[in-house]
């Protein structure tokens, strides 16, 4: 699936609609705004419909990634952590506890 990008005219129209600043409330950043989807692109393929600064974009993207994977797990498109471990086993193997050295005579090591 290929991305859909904003044209220069569409970018300028969005910039004017947002007042020349980031679309996030209480963010007044005006430089280097990035075209972003209000709904994650994985759910609805469309052109970006808002402009965000890099900091706000990063926060939104991290939140979107979690939401997309949750939807995939709930819809059965991706395995849950429990199902992955059941199918493939644990990836990290635990280290066994150290066994204390025991004398072969049968005596307990703490007795004198």
Protein backbone atom coordinates (compact mmCIF):
# COMPACT_ATOMS: atom_id res chain seq x y z
CA UNK A 1 0.00 0.00 0.00
CA UNK A 2 1.54 3.30 -1.05
CA UNK A 3 1.30 6.54 0.86
CA UNK A 4 -0.78 9.46 -0.26
CA UNK A 5 0.98 12.81 0.05
CA UNK A 6 -0.23 16.40 0.22
CA UNK A 7 0.33 18.68 -2.73
CA UNK A 8 1.74 22.17 -2.11
CA UNK A 9 -1.75 23.68 -2.49
CA UNK A 10 -3.30 21.20 -0.05
CA UNK A 11 -0.51 21.87 2.45
CA UNK A 12 -1.06 25.63 2.22
CA UNK A 13 -4.84 25.18 2.60
CA UNK A 14 -4.37 23.07 5.75
CA UNK A 15 -1.85 25.55 7.13
CA UNK A 16 -4.30 28.41 6.60
CA UNK A 17 -7.20 26.39 8.12
CA UNK A 18 -5.11 25.68 11.26
CA UNK A 19 -4.00 29.28 11.63
CA UNK A 20 -0.40 28.53 10.60
CA UNK A 21 0.41 26.43 13.68
CA UNK A 22 0.40 22.83 14.92
CA UNK A 23 -3.09 21.30 15.21
CA UNK A 24 -2.53 20.13 18.81
CA UNK A 25 -4.13 22.31 21.45
CA UNK A 26 -1.67 24.47 23.46
CA UNK A 27 1.12 23.88 20.91
CA UNK A 28 2.13 27.04 19.07
CA UNK A 29 4.87 25.55 16.85
CA UNK A 30 4.82 27.02 13.34
CA UNK A 31 8.00 25.68 11.70
CA UNK A 32 8.52 22.30 9.98
CA UNK A 33 4.96 20.99 10.28
CA UNK A 34 4.33 17.40 9.15
CA UNK A 35 1.21 16.13 7.38
CA UNK A 36 -0.55 13.64 9.67
CA UNK A 37 -3.72 11.54 9.59
CA UNK A 38 -6.29 12.07 12.33
CA UNK A 39 -7.18 8.36 11.97
CA UNK A 40 -4.22 5.96 11.62
CA UNK A 41 -3.42 5.23 7.97
CA UNK A 42 -3.64 1.49 8.69
CA UNK A 43 -7.38 1.84 9.36
CA UNK A 44 -8.36 4.29 6.65
CA UNK A 45 -6.18 5.04 3.63
CA UNK A 46 -6.40 8.75 2.87
CA UNK A 47 -4.30 11.87 2.52
CA UNK A 48 -3.12 13.61 5.69
CA UNK A 49 -5.79 15.91 7.10
CA UNK A 50 -3.85 17.84 9.75
CA UNK A 51 -0.40 19.36 10.28
CA UNK A 52 1.68 18.66 13.39
CA UNK A 53 5.08 19.63 14.73
CA UNK A 54 7.65 16.84 15.12
CA UNK A 55 7.24 16.55 18.91
CA UNK A 56 3.44 16.19 18.78
CA UNK A 57 3.74 13.84 15.78
CA UNK A 58 6.03 11.51 17.75
CA UNK A 59 3.59 11.30 20.67
CA UNK A 60 0.64 10.61 18.35
CA UNK A 61 2.54 7.97 16.36
CA UNK A 62 3.50 6.03 19.50
CA UNK A 63 -0.12 6.12 20.66
CA UNK A 64 -1.33 5.00 17.20
CA UNK A 65 1.08 2.05 17.07
CA UNK A 66 -0.32 0.71 20.34
CA UNK A 67 -3.91 1.17 19.14
CA UNK A 68 -3.25 -0.50 15.77
CA UNK A 69 -1.65 -3.59 17.35
CA UNK A 70 -4.44 -3.84 19.93
CA UNK A 71 -7.02 -3.80 17.13
CA UNK A 72 -5.06 -6.47 15.24
CA UNK A 73 -4.90 -8.68 18.33
CA UNK A 74 -8.63 -8.27 19.03
CA UNK A 75 -9.50 -9.03 15.40
CA UNK A 76 -7.28 -12.11 15.35
CA UNK A 77 -4.84 -10.67 12.80
CA UNK A 78 -1.93 -10.83 15.26
CA UNK A 79 -1.13 -13.20 18.10
CA UNK A 80 -1.28 -12.02 21.69
CA UNK A 81 1.78 -12.37 23.91
CA UNK A 82 0.21 -15.43 25.58
CA UNK A 83 -0.49 -17.09 22.21
CA UNK A 84 3.02 -16.33 20.90
CA UNK A 85 4.65 -17.86 23.96
CA UNK A 86 2.35 -20.89 23.82
CA UNK A 87 3.18 -21.47 20.14
CA UNK A 88 6.88 -20.58 20.01
CA UNK A 89 8.01 -20.87 23.64
CA UNK A 90 9.67 -18.20 25.72
CA UNK A 91 12.39 -16.34 23.84
CA UNK A 92 14.40 -15.55 26.96
CA UNK A 93 15.47 -18.59 28.88
CA UNK A 94 15.80 -18.21 32.61
CA UNK A 95 19.07 -19.04 34.32
CA UNK A 96 18.80 -21.81 36.93
CA UNK A 97 19.62 -21.10 40.55
CA UNK A 98 23.15 -21.91 41.61
CA UNK A 99 23.33 -25.23 43.42
CA UNK A 100 25.48 -25.10 46.55
CA UNK A 101 28.39 -27.51 46.67
CA UNK A 102 27.44 -30.48 48.82
CA UNK A 103 29.95 -32.83 50.33
CA UNK A 104 29.60 -36.42 49.19
CA UNK A 105 29.83 -37.86 52.74
CA UNK A 106 26.17 -37.13 53.40
CA UNK A 107 26.88 -34.61 56.16
CA UNK A 108 25.19 -31.25 56.07
CA UNK A 109 27.76 -28.52 55.29
CA UNK A 110 26.60 -26.25 58.14
CA UNK A 111 27.24 -28.77 60.91
CA UNK A 112 30.66 -28.93 62.51
